[in-house]
Amino acid sequence: MGGFSFRLGAHPINWVGEDVKEHGADTTYEQILDDIQALGLTGTEMGRKYPTEIGVLKQELSKRGIQLVSQWKSVLFSDPAYREQELEAYRKHVKFLKEMGAEVISTCEVGGSLHFDPRRTPNERNVIPLDDAGWSSLAEGLNAAGRIAREYGLKLTYHHHGGTVIEGPDEIDKLMELTDPESVWLLFDTGHALYGGADPLTVLRKHYDRIAYVHLKDVRDDRLRKLKEAGSDFITCIREGVFTVPGDGCIDFGTIIAELVSRGYSGWAMLEGEQDPAEHPPREYAAKALAYLHSLIPTEGGDPS
């Protein structure tokens, strides 16, 4: 959209929950794509309601002038026993995204995660942090997956994420230090940065040279504080409305947008909310967020217009 140095899209998670399945359970992909088109946006990530047959998906996106930007890919590289099967699955994922014209792959390690690790049991309560061997195995696996992405002209962008082993600022720093900068890039997510205890602007400035993809998400800080004090897990935080769209929470997006524009960031930035669409109508909230973000575009003098 005009005024930004970057391309702006909307994630279907605003309409249909990925981690909280009851959110938007009855929403159709046609409604999501029609809303994104009506908002004047031209990019989206893959969502669980979207068609999986490539021909149908291409047709539905093309007739609305929308590009598939990326798709989430869980990986379990921290356990060497899973390495080969995970890399095989990653190659298939890359081939699909290449066919769809995407440029980046949203990638996240699920080993140790309370909610996403297939080896965990329902009665567990905490994320299991990586030990030295786990860190080493994760870095090796990501480097290998990143090389696969490069074969097809795509970039592996690592999504630091709440409720996983790469959540806080020290973990982001360590991951960037251990991985090959030519093979592993960063998906900078404002909401997950704050959720993990980081200052989003600090993460952006520190790792800008590795950032190849952006998620713009806000946080209701009062709810986050109460839920963290109560020991609530990540999924509970989603259900309780911790996340919202930019302009509806506590994050200072003025400095973030100014930083992205001043540095000439030209990749994709995805608008995200991840909240109950029944309480927070997605198209309405997205429209407000877009108006808010446009109000932050720096003028030639450096101030918002």
C-alpha atoms as a PDB file:
ATOM      1  CA  MET A   1       0.000   0.000   0.000  1.00  0.00           C
ATOM      2  CA  GLY A   2       1.143   3.551  -0.701  1.00  0.00           C
ATOM      3  CA  GLY A   3       3.458   5.309   1.726  1.00  0.00           C
ATOM      4  CA  PHE A   4       5.268   2.281   3.105  1.00  0.00           C
ATOM      5  CA  SER A   5       8.652   1.043   1.943  1.00  0.00           C
ATOM      6  CA  PHE A   6       7.392  -2.508   2.460  1.00  0.00           C
ATOM      7  CA  ARG A   7       4.546  -4.650   1.126  1.00  0.00           C
ATOM      8  CA  LEU A   8       1.607  -5.049   3.494  1.00  0.00           C
ATOM      9  CA  GLY A   9      -0.680  -8.056   3.814  1.00  0.00           C
ATOM     10  CA  ALA A  10      -3.030  -9.679   6.314  1.00  0.00           C
ATOM     11  CA  HIS A  11      -2.678 -13.041   8.031  1.00  0.00           C
ATOM     12  CA  PRO A  12      -5.818 -15.254   8.018  1.00  0.00           C
ATOM     13  CA  ILE A  13      -5.244 -15.789  11.750  1.00  0.00           C
ATOM     14  CA  ASN A  14      -7.213 -12.553  12.219  1.00  0.00           C
ATOM     15  CA  TRP A  15     -10.263 -14.449  10.952  1.00  0.00           C
ATOM     16  CA  VAL A  16      -9.552 -18.072  11.886  1.00  0.00           C
ATOM     17  CA  GLY A  17      -7.430 -19.205  14.827  1.00  0.00           C
ATOM     18  CA  GLU A  18      -4.535 -21.541  14.116  1.00  0.00           C
ATOM     19  CA  ASP A  19      -3.773 -22.475  17.733  1.00  0.00           C
ATOM     20  CA  VAL A  20      -7.282 -21.897  19.129  1.00  0.00           C
ATOM     21  CA  LYS A  21      -9.431 -23.889  16.747  1.00  0.00           C
ATOM     22  CA  GLU A  22     -12.814 -22.570  17.910  1.00  0.00           C
ATOM     23  CA  HIS A  23     -11.888 -19.032  16.846  1.00  0.00           C
ATOM     24  CA  GLY A  24     -13.593 -18.474  13.493  1.00  0.00           C
ATOM     25  CA  ALA A  25     -14.441 -22.156  13.107  1.00  0.00           C
ATOM     26  CA  ASP A  26     -17.366 -21.395  10.769  1.00  0.00           C
ATOM     27  CA  THR A  27     -15.578 -18.751   8.681  1.00  0.00           C
ATOM     28  CA  THR A  28     -14.957 -19.655   5.039  1.00  0.00           C
ATOM     29  CA  TYR A  29     -11.803 -18.950   3.091  1.00  0.00           C
ATOM     30  CA  GLU A  30     -13.881 -16.961   0.596  1.00  0.00           C
ATOM     31  CA  GLN A  31     -14.878 -14.547   3.367  1.00  0.00           C
ATOM     32  CA  ILE A  32     -11.267 -14.132   4.467  1.00  0.00           C
ATOM     33  CA  LEU A  33      -9.961 -13.470   0.978  1.00  0.00           C
ATOM     34  CA  ASP A  34     -12.850 -11.169   0.090  1.00  0.00           C
ATOM     35  CA  ASP A  35     -12.149  -9.111   3.220  1.00  0.00           C
ATOM     36  CA  ILE A  36      -8.420  -8.913   2.473  1.00  0.00           C
ATOM     37  CA  GLN A  37      -9.195  -7.733  -1.050  1.00  0.00           C
ATOM     38  CA  ALA A  38     -11.719  -5.173   0.229  1.00  0.00           C
ATOM     39  CA  LEU A  39      -9.076  -3.820   2.614  1.00  0.00           C
ATOM     40  CA  GLY A  40      -6.846  -3.103  -0.378  1.00  0.00           C
ATOM     41  CA  LEU A  41      -4.195  -5.608   0.700  1.00  0.00           C
ATOM     42  CA  THR A  42      -2.321  -7.855  -1.694  1.00  0.00           C
ATOM     43  CA  GLY A  43      -0.641 -10.486   0.486  1.00  0.00           C
ATOM     44  CA  THR A  44      -1.641 -13.298   2.820  1.00  0.00           C
ATOM     45  CA  GLU A  45      -0.141 -16.325   4.531  1.00  0.00           C
ATOM     46  CA  MET A  46      -1.533 -19.810   4.127  1.00  0.00           C
ATOM     47  CA  GLY A  47      -4.368 -20.553   6.544  1.00  0.00           C
ATOM     48  CA  ARG A  48      -6.031 -23.788   7.590  1.00  0.00           C
ATOM     49  CA  LYS A  49      -9.264 -22.859   5.782  1.00  0.00           C
ATOM     50  CA  TYR A  50      -7.564 -22.119   2.456  1.00  0.00           C
ATOM     51  CA  PRO A  51      -7.769 -24.657  -0.398  1.00  0.00           C
ATOM     52  CA  THR A  52      -4.860 -27.101  -0.384  1.00  0.00           C
ATOM     53  CA  GLU A  53      -5.088 -28.005  -4.070  1.00  0.00           C
ATOM     54  CA  ILE A  54      -2.600 -25.751  -5.818  1.00  0.00           C
ATOM     55  CA  GLY A  55      -4.727 -25.016  -8.880  1.00  0.00           C
ATOM     56  CA  VAL A  56      -7.744 -23.979  -6.813  1.00  0.00           C
ATOM     57  CA  LEU A  57      -5.644 -21.910  -4.418  1.00  0.00           C
ATOM     58  CA  LYS A  58      -3.907 -20.096  -7.264  1.00  0.00           C
ATOM     59  CA  GLN A  59      -7.240 -19.323  -8.900  1.00  0.00           C
ATOM     60  CA  GLU A  60      -8.850 -18.000  -5.707  1.00  0.00           C
ATOM     61  CA  LEU A  61      -5.866 -15.778  -4.932  1.00  0.00           C
ATOM     62  CA  SER A  62      -5.317 -14.579  -8.498  1.00  0.00           C
ATOM     63  CA  LYS A  63      -8.869 -13.410  -9.094  1.00  0.00           C
ATOM     64  CA  ARG A  64      -8.554 -11.189  -6.018  1.00  0.00           C
ATOM     65  CA  GLY A  65      -5.058  -9.918  -6.796  1.00  0.00           C
ATOM     66  CA  ILE A  66      -3.571 -11.538  -3.676  1.00  0.00           C
ATOM     67  CA  GLN A  67      -0.135 -13.165  -3.344  1.00  0.00           C
ATOM     68  CA  LEU A  68       0.595 -16.117  -1.034  1.00  0.00           C
ATOM     69  CA  VAL A  69       3.532 -14.783   0.966  1.00  0.00           C
ATOM     70  CA  SER A  70       4.426 -17.702   3.225  1.00  0.00           C
ATOM     71  CA  GLN A  71       3.205 -20.664   5.237  1.00  0.00           C
ATOM     72  CA  TRP A  72       4.108 -21.755   8.764  1.00  0.00           C
ATOM     73  CA  LYS A  73       6.378 -24.802   8.999  1.00  0.00           C
ATOM     74  CA  SER A  74       6.933 -26.512  12.345  1.00  0.00           C
ATOM     75  CA  VAL A  75      10.262 -28.306  12.624  1.00  0.00           C
ATOM     76  CA  LEU A  76      11.783 -30.661  15.204  1.00  0.00           C
ATOM     77  CA  PHE A  77      15.479 -30.158  14.596  1.00  0.00           C
ATOM     78  CA  SER A  78      16.550 -30.080  18.260  1.00  0.00           C
ATOM     79  CA  ASP A  79      16.282 -33.889  18.322  1.00  0.00           C
ATOM     80  CA  PRO A  80      18.799 -35.414  15.846  1.00  0.00           C
ATOM     81  CA  ALA A  81      16.628 -38.526  15.510  1.00  0.00           C
ATOM     82  CA  TYR A  82      14.082 -36.470  13.559  1.00  0.00           C
ATOM     83  CA  ARG A  83      16.585 -34.660  11.316  1.00  0.00           C
ATOM     84  CA  GLU A  84      16.240 -36.552   8.033  1.00  0.00           C
ATOM     85  CA  GLN A  85      12.455 -36.854   8.054  1.00  0.00           C
ATOM     86  CA  GLU A  86      12.136 -33.199   9.003  1.00  0.00           C
ATOM     87  CA  LEU A  87      14.399 -32.114   6.152  1.00  0.00           C
ATOM     88  CA  GLU A  88      12.432 -34.240   3.705  1.00  0.00           C
ATOM     89  CA  ALA A  89       9.191 -32.620   4.875  1.00  0.00           C
ATOM     90  CA  TYR A  90      10.830 -29.204   4.668  1.00  0.00           C
ATOM     91  CA  ARG A  91      11.802 -29.741   1.040  1.00  0.00           C
ATOM     92  CA  LYS A  92       8.183 -30.585   0.166  1.00  0.00           C
ATOM     93  CA  HIS A  93       7.051 -27.432   1.970  1.00  0.00           C
ATOM     94  CA  VAL A  94       9.584 -25.319   0.062  1.00  0.00           C
ATOM     95  CA  LYS A  95       8.475 -26.795  -3.264  1.00  0.00           C
ATOM     96  CA  PHE A  96       4.854 -25.872  -2.528  1.00  0.00           C
ATOM     97  CA  LEU A  97       5.747 -22.294  -1.612  1.00  0.00           C
ATOM     98  CA  LYS A  98       7.992 -21.967  -4.655  1.00  0.00           C
ATOM     99  CA  GLU A  99       5.105 -23.091  -6.860  1.00  0.00           C
ATOM    100  CA  MET A 100       2.908 -20.437  -5.226  1.00  0.00           C
ATOM    101  CA  GLY A 101       5.448 -17.662  -5.819  1.00  0.00           C
ATOM    102  CA  ALA A 102       6.346 -17.140  -2.159  1.00  0.00           C
ATOM    103  CA  GLU A 103       9.739 -15.808  -1.088  1.00  0.00           C
ATOM    104  CA  VAL A 104       9.966 -16.685   2.620  1.00  0.00           C
ATOM    105  CA  ILE A 105       9.156 -19.664   4.847  1.00  0.00           C
ATOM    106  CA  SER A 106       7.879 -19.027   8.376  1.00  0.00           C
ATOM    107  CA  THR A 107       9.788 -21.652  10.367  1.00  0.00           C
ATOM    108  CA  CYS A 108       9.584 -22.531  14.066  1.00  0.00           C
ATOM    109  CA  GLU A 109      11.188 -25.201  16.256  1.00  0.00           C
ATOM    110  CA  VAL A 110       8.545 -27.067  18.262  1.00  0.00           C
ATOM    111  CA  GLY A 111      10.838 -29.297  20.303  1.00  0.00           C
ATOM    112  CA  GLY A 112      10.234 -28.647  24.014  1.00  0.00           C
ATOM    113  CA  SER A 113       7.083 -26.645  23.361  1.00  0.00           C
ATOM    114  CA  LEU A 114       4.184 -27.382  25.660  1.00  0.00           C
ATOM    115  CA  HIS A 115       1.604 -27.113  22.880  1.00  0.00           C
ATOM    116  CA  PHE A 116       3.356 -27.986  19.631  1.00  0.00           C
ATOM    117  CA  ASP A 117       5.886 -30.752  20.417  1.00  0.00           C
ATOM    118  CA  PRO A 118       4.320 -34.094  19.363  1.00  0.00           C
ATOM    119  CA  ARG A 119       6.352 -35.887  22.030  1.00  0.00           C
ATOM    120  CA  ARG A 120       4.746 -34.014  24.942  1.00  0.00           C
ATOM    121  CA  THR A 121       1.830 -35.325  27.021  1.00  0.00           C
ATOM    122  CA  PRO A 122      -1.350 -33.418  27.991  1.00  0.00           C
ATOM    123  CA  ASN A 123      -0.532 -33.299  31.717  1.00  0.00           C
ATOM    124  CA  GLU A 124       2.691 -31.280  31.296  1.00  0.00           C
ATOM    125  CA  ARG A 125       2.812 -27.594  32.166  1.00  0.00           C
ATOM    126  CA  ASN A 126       6.139 -26.038  31.096  1.00  0.00           C
ATOM    127  CA  VAL A 127       8.295 -25.475  28.035  1.00  0.00           C
ATOM    128  CA  ILE A 128      11.459 -27.618  28.226  1.00  0.00           C
ATOM    129  CA  PRO A 129      14.456 -25.384  27.421  1.00  0.00           C
ATOM    130  CA  LEU A 130      17.188 -26.529  25.071  1.00  0.00           C
ATOM    131  CA  ASP A 131      20.394 -27.977  26.463  1.00  0.00           C
ATOM    132  CA  ASP A 132      23.717 -27.513  24.662  1.00  0.00           C
ATOM    133  CA  ALA A 133      23.168 -30.583  22.494  1.00  0.00           C
ATOM    134  CA  GLY A 134      19.668 -29.382  21.593  1.00  0.00           C
ATOM    135  CA  TRP A 135      20.947 -25.952  20.585  1.00  0.00           C
ATOM    136  CA  SER A 136      23.649 -27.485  18.413  1.00  0.00           C
ATOM    137  CA  SER A 137      21.237 -29.890  16.735  1.00  0.00           C
ATOM    138  CA  LEU A 138      18.703 -27.109  16.133  1.00  0.00           C
ATOM    139  CA  ALA A 139      21.307 -24.857  14.518  1.00  0.00           C
ATOM    140  CA  GLU A 140      22.575 -27.659  12.280  1.00  0.00           C
ATOM    141  CA  GLY A 141      19.041 -28.565  11.222  1.00  0.00           C
ATOM    142  CA  LEU A 142      18.058 -24.980  10.486  1.00  0.00           C
ATOM    143  CA  ASN A 143      21.231 -24.398   8.467  1.00  0.00           C
ATOM    144  CA  ALA A 144      20.470 -27.506   6.406  1.00  0.00           C
ATOM    145  CA  ALA A 145      16.835 -26.460   5.890  1.00  0.00           C
ATOM    146  CA  GLY A 146      17.986 -22.967   4.965  1.00  0.00           C
ATOM    147  CA  ARG A 147      20.239 -24.392   2.291  1.00  0.00           C
ATOM    148  CA  ILE A 148      17.268 -26.282   0.872  1.00  0.00           C
ATOM    149  CA  ALA A 149      15.288 -23.040   0.774  1.00  0.00           C
ATOM    150  CA  ARG A 150      18.165 -21.329  -1.018  1.00  0.00           C
ATOM    151  CA  GLU A 151      18.172 -24.051  -3.698  1.00  0.00           C
ATOM    152  CA  TYR A 152      14.713 -22.831  -4.695  1.00  0.00           C
ATOM    153  CA  GLY A 153      15.415 -19.123  -4.282  1.00  0.00           C
ATOM    154  CA  LEU A 154      13.532 -18.773  -0.978  1.00  0.00           C
ATOM    155  CA  LYS A 155      14.584 -17.726   2.514  1.00  0.00           C
ATOM    156  CA  LEU A 156      14.056 -19.618   5.765  1.00  0.00           C
ATOM    157  CA  THR A 157      12.777 -16.995   8.200  1.00  0.00           C
ATOM    158  CA  TYR A 158      12.813 -18.138  11.810  1.00  0.00           C
ATOM    159  CA  HIS A 159       9.693 -17.196  13.776  1.00  0.00           C
ATOM    160  CA  HIS A 160      10.559 -16.513  17.430  1.00  0.00           C
ATOM    161  CA  HIS A 161       7.310 -17.538  19.114  1.00  0.00           C
ATOM    162  CA  GLY A 162       5.516 -17.572  22.448  1.00  0.00           C
ATOM    163  CA  GLY A 163       5.347 -20.955  24.127  1.00  0.00           C
ATOM    164  CA  THR A 164       8.447 -22.302  22.341  1.00  0.00           C
ATOM    165  CA  VAL A 165      12.147 -22.639  23.126  1.00  0.00           C
ATOM    166  CA  ILE A 166      12.986 -19.508  21.104  1.00  0.00           C
ATOM    167  CA  GLU A 167      10.805 -16.960  22.863  1.00  0.00           C
ATOM    168  CA  GLY A 168      12.899 -14.432  24.800  1.00  0.00           C
ATOM    169  CA  PRO A 169      15.529 -11.932  23.643  1.00  0.00           C
ATOM    170  CA  ASP A 170      18.504 -14.009  24.821  1.00  0.00           C
ATOM    171  CA  GLU A 171      17.180 -17.014  22.905  1.00  0.00           C
ATOM    172  CA  ILE A 172      16.723 -14.942  19.737  1.00  0.00           C
ATOM    173  CA  ASP A 173      20.274 -13.615  20.118  1.00  0.00           C
ATOM    174  CA  LYS A 174      21.712 -17.092  20.595  1.00  0.00           C
ATOM    175  CA  LEU A 175      19.844 -18.517  17.620  1.00  0.00           C
ATOM    176  CA  MET A 176      21.137 -15.748  15.365  1.00  0.00           C
ATOM    177  CA  GLU A 177      24.669 -16.282  16.694  1.00  0.00           C
ATOM    178  CA  LEU A 178      24.634 -20.062  16.115  1.00  0.00           C
ATOM    179  CA  THR A 179      23.091 -20.120  12.638  1.00  0.00           C
ATOM    180  CA  ASP A 180      24.476 -19.286   9.208  1.00  0.00           C
ATOM    181  CA  PRO A 181      23.405 -15.752   8.196  1.00  0.00           C
ATOM    182  CA  GLU A 182      23.296 -16.847   4.550  1.00  0.00           C
ATOM    183  CA  SER A 183      20.853 -19.674   5.312  1.00  0.00           C
ATOM    184  CA  VAL A 184      18.792 -18.605   8.327  1.00  0.00           C
ATOM    185  CA  TRP A 185      16.919 -15.316   8.471  1.00  0.00           C
ATOM    186  CA  LEU A 186      14.612 -13.849  11.112  1.00  0.00           C
ATOM    187  CA  LEU A 187      10.868 -13.364  11.045  1.00  0.00           C
ATOM    188  CA  PHE A 188      10.477 -10.321  13.303  1.00  0.00           C
ATOM    189  CA  ASP A 189       7.159 -10.469  15.162  1.00  0.00           C
ATOM    190  CA  THR A 190       6.359  -7.417  17.290  1.00  0.00           C
ATOM    191  CA  GLY A 191       3.765  -9.165  19.457  1.00  0.00           C
ATOM    192  CA  HIS A 192       5.784 -12.290  20.133  1.00  0.00           C
ATOM    193  CA  ALA A 193       8.847 -10.165  20.919  1.00  0.00           C
ATOM    194  CA  LEU A 194       6.957  -8.338  23.665  1.00  0.00           C
ATOM    195  CA  TYR A 195       5.304 -11.543  24.885  1.00  0.00           C
ATOM    196  CA  GLY A 196       8.757 -13.088  25.282  1.00  0.00           C
ATOM    197  CA  GLY A 197      10.006 -10.186  27.385  1.00  0.00           C
ATOM    198  CA  ALA A 198      11.862  -8.208  24.707  1.00  0.00           C
ATOM    199  CA  ASP A 199      11.530  -4.633  23.566  1.00  0.00           C
ATOM    200  CA  PRO A 200      10.392  -5.038  19.940  1.00  0.00           C
ATOM    201  CA  LEU A 201      12.336  -2.013  18.707  1.00  0.00           C
ATOM    202  CA  THR A 202      15.533  -3.342  20.298  1.00  0.00           C
ATOM    203  CA  VAL A 203      15.093  -6.697  18.540  1.00  0.00           C
ATOM    204  CA  LEU A 204      14.424  -4.922  15.245  1.00  0.00           C
ATOM    205  CA  ARG A 205      17.512  -2.728  15.497  1.00  0.00           C
ATOM    206  CA  LYS A 206      19.804  -5.473  16.782  1.00  0.00           C
ATOM    207  CA  HIS A 207      18.934  -8.029  14.124  1.00  0.00           C
ATOM    208  CA  TYR A 208      17.772  -5.871  11.229  1.00  0.00           C
ATOM    209  CA  ASP A 209      20.376  -7.275   8.832  1.00  0.00           C
ATOM    210  CA  ARG A 210      18.919 -10.777   9.348  1.00  0.00           C
ATOM    211  CA  ILE A 211      15.229  -9.776   9.108  1.00  0.00           C
ATOM    212  CA  ALA A 212      13.509 -10.932   5.908  1.00  0.00           C
ATOM    213  CA  TYR A 213       9.877 -10.979   7.032  1.00  0.00           C
ATOM    214  CA  VAL A 214       7.741  -9.067   9.552  1.00  0.00           C
ATOM    215  CA  HIS A 215       4.547  -9.732  11.533  1.00  0.00           C
ATOM    216  CA  LEU A 216       2.848  -6.639  12.960  1.00  0.00           C
ATOM    217  CA  LYS A 217       0.916  -7.658  16.080  1.00  0.00           C
ATOM    218  CA  ASP A 218      -0.015  -5.715  19.220  1.00  0.00           C
ATOM    219  CA  VAL A 219      -0.369  -6.763  22.869  1.00  0.00           C
ATOM    220  CA  ARG A 220      -2.815  -5.803  25.616  1.00  0.00           C
ATOM    221  CA  ASP A 221      -0.196  -5.355  28.307  1.00  0.00           C
ATOM    222  CA  ASP A 222      -2.581  -5.359  31.274  1.00  0.00           C
ATOM    223  CA  ARG A 223      -3.967  -8.755  30.312  1.00  0.00           C
ATOM    224  CA  LEU A 224      -0.512 -10.153  29.605  1.00  0.00           C
ATOM    225  CA  ARG A 225       0.785  -9.091  33.036  1.00  0.00           C
ATOM    226  CA  LYS A 226      -2.171 -10.624  34.885  1.00  0.00           C
ATOM    227  CA  LEU A 227      -2.010 -13.885  32.984  1.00  0.00           C
ATOM    228  CA  LYS A 228       1.755 -14.255  33.345  1.00  0.00           C
ATOM    229  CA  GLU A 229       1.471 -13.569  37.075  1.00  0.00           C
ATOM    230  CA  ALA A 230      -1.122 -16.356  37.201  1.00  0.00           C
ATOM    231  CA  GLY A 231       1.244 -18.712  35.363  1.00  0.00           C
ATOM    232  CA  SER A 232      -1.025 -19.015  32.315  1.00  0.00           C
ATOM    233  CA  ASP A 233       0.311 -20.751  29.220  1.00  0.00           C
ATOM    234  CA  PHE A 234       0.513 -19.355  25.696  1.00  0.00           C
ATOM    235  CA  ILE A 235      -2.780 -20.778  24.407  1.00  0.00           C
ATOM    236  CA  THR A 236      -4.634 -19.430  27.441  1.00  0.00           C
ATOM    237  CA  CYS A 237      -3.161 -16.007  26.704  1.00  0.00           C
ATOM    238  CA  ILE A 238      -4.612 -16.147  23.188  1.00  0.00           C
ATOM    239  CA  ARG A 239      -8.022 -17.177  24.491  1.00  0.00           C
ATOM    240  CA  GLU A 240      -7.944 -14.346  27.039  1.00  0.00           C
ATOM    241  CA  GLY A 241      -7.267 -11.690  24.404  1.00  0.00           C
ATOM    242  CA  VAL A 242      -3.616 -10.844  25.032  1.00  0.00           C
ATOM    243  CA  PHE A 243      -2.981 -10.201  21.325  1.00  0.00           C
ATOM    244  CA  THR A 244      -4.654  -7.679  19.041  1.00  0.00           C
ATOM    245  CA  VAL A 245      -3.972  -5.634  15.904  1.00  0.00           C
ATOM    246  CA  PRO A 246      -1.575  -2.655  15.816  1.00  0.00           C
ATOM    247  CA  GLY A 247      -2.975   0.435  17.491  1.00  0.00           C
ATOM    248  CA  ASP A 248      -5.196  -1.491  19.912  1.00  0.00           C
ATOM    249  CA  GLY A 249      -2.504  -2.398  22.433  1.00  0.00           C
ATOM    250  CA  CYS A 250       0.592  -1.021  24.120  1.00  0.00           C
ATOM    251  CA  ILE A 251       3.335  -1.339  21.491  1.00  0.00           C
ATOM    252  CA  ASP A 252       4.811   1.874  20.096  1.00  0.00           C
ATOM    253  CA  PHE A 253       4.490   1.180  16.381  1.00  0.00           C
ATOM    254  CA  GLY A 254       5.525   4.728  15.517  1.00  0.00           C
ATOM    255  CA  THR A 255       9.181   3.977  16.208  1.00  0.00           C
ATOM    256  CA  ILE A 256       8.951   0.543  14.571  1.00  0.00           C
ATOM    257  CA  ILE A 257       7.409   1.814  11.331  1.00  0.00           C
ATOM    258  CA  ALA A 258       9.876   4.718  11.251  1.00  0.00           C
ATOM    259  CA  GLU A 259      12.764   2.270  11.661  1.00  0.00           C
ATOM    260  CA  LEU A 260      11.523  -0.003   8.882  1.00  0.00           C
ATOM    261  CA  VAL A 261      10.895   2.903   6.502  1.00  0.00           C
ATOM    262  CA  SER A 262      14.158   4.710   7.278  1.00  0.00           C
ATOM    263  CA  ARG A 263      16.130   1.525   6.609  1.00  0.00           C
ATOM    264  CA  GLY A 264      14.205   0.909   3.396  1.00  0.00           C
ATOM    265  CA  TYR A 265      12.738  -2.442   4.418  1.00  0.00           C
ATOM    266  CA  SER A 266      11.052  -3.733   1.258  1.00  0.00           C
ATOM    267  CA  GLY A 267       9.880  -7.206   2.264  1.00  0.00           C
ATOM    268  CA  TRP A 268       6.440  -8.254   3.417  1.00  0.00           C
ATOM    269  CA  ALA A 269       4.819  -7.180   6.674  1.00  0.00           C
ATOM    270  CA  MET A 270       1.775  -9.163   7.752  1.00  0.00           C
ATOM    271  CA  LEU A 271      -1.020  -7.596   9.806  1.00  0.00           C
ATOM    272  CA  GLU A 272      -1.939  -9.885  12.714  1.00  0.00           C
ATOM    273  CA  GLY A 273      -4.356  -9.874  15.620  1.00  0.00           C
ATOM    274  CA  GLU A 274      -4.849 -13.494  16.811  1.00  0.00           C
ATOM    275  CA  GLN A 275      -7.966 -12.888  18.897  1.00  0.00           C
ATOM    276  CA  ASP A 276     -11.546 -14.104  18.999  1.00  0.00           C
ATOM    277  CA  PRO A 277     -13.151 -12.844  15.755  1.00  0.00           C
ATOM    278  CA  ALA A 278     -16.613 -13.074  17.312  1.00  0.00           C
ATOM    279  CA  GLU A 279     -15.635 -10.372  19.809  1.00  0.00           C
ATOM    280  CA  HIS A 280     -13.290  -8.460  17.533  1.00  0.00           C
ATOM    281  CA  PRO A 281     -14.626  -8.391  13.936  1.00  0.00           C
ATOM    282  CA  PRO A 282     -11.545  -9.035  11.771  1.00  0.00           C
ATOM    283  CA  ARG A 283     -12.250  -6.724   8.856  1.00  0.00           C
ATOM    284  CA  GLU A 284     -13.269  -3.866  11.148  1.00  0.00           C
ATOM    285  CA  TYR A 285     -10.191  -4.267  13.339  1.00  0.00           C
ATOM    286  CA  ALA A 286      -7.907  -4.619  10.318  1.00  0.00           C
ATOM    287  CA  ALA A 287      -9.303  -1.416   8.813  1.00  0.00           C
ATOM    288  CA  LYS A 288      -8.655   0.469  12.054  1.00  0.00           C
ATOM    289  CA  ALA A 289      -5.141  -0.955  12.229  1.00  0.00           C
ATOM    290  CA  LEU A 290      -4.413   0.100   8.661  1.00  0.00           C
ATOM    291  CA  ALA A 291      -5.624   3.636   9.337  1.00  0.00           C
ATOM    292  CA  TYR A 292      -3.428   3.727  12.428  1.00  0.00           C
ATOM    293  CA  LEU A 293      -0.344   2.451  10.599  1.00  0.00           C
ATOM    294  CA  HIS A 294      -0.849   4.953   7.768  1.00  0.00           C
ATOM    295  CA  SER A 295      -0.944   7.748  10.347  1.00  0.00           C
ATOM    296  CA  LEU A 296       2.563   6.713  11.411  1.00  0.00           C
ATOM    297  CA  ILE A 297       4.255   6.996   8.014  1.00  0.00           C
ATOM    298  CA  PRO A 298       7.141   9.417   8.453  1.00  0.00           C
ATOM    299  CA  THR A 299       7.118  12.536   6.310  1.00  0.00           C
ATOM    300  CA  GLU A 300      10.260  13.931   4.691  1.00  0.00           C
ATOM    301  CA  GLY A 301      10.899  15.848   7.890  1.00  0.00           C
ATOM    302  CA  GLY A 302      10.826  12.615   9.872  1.00  0.00           C
ATOM    303  CA  ASP A 303       7.523  13.137  11.656  1.00  0.00           C
ATOM    304  CA  PRO A 304       4.312  11.161  11.081  1.00  0.00           C
ATOM    305  CA  SER A 305       2.027  12.668   8.471  1.00  0.00           C
END
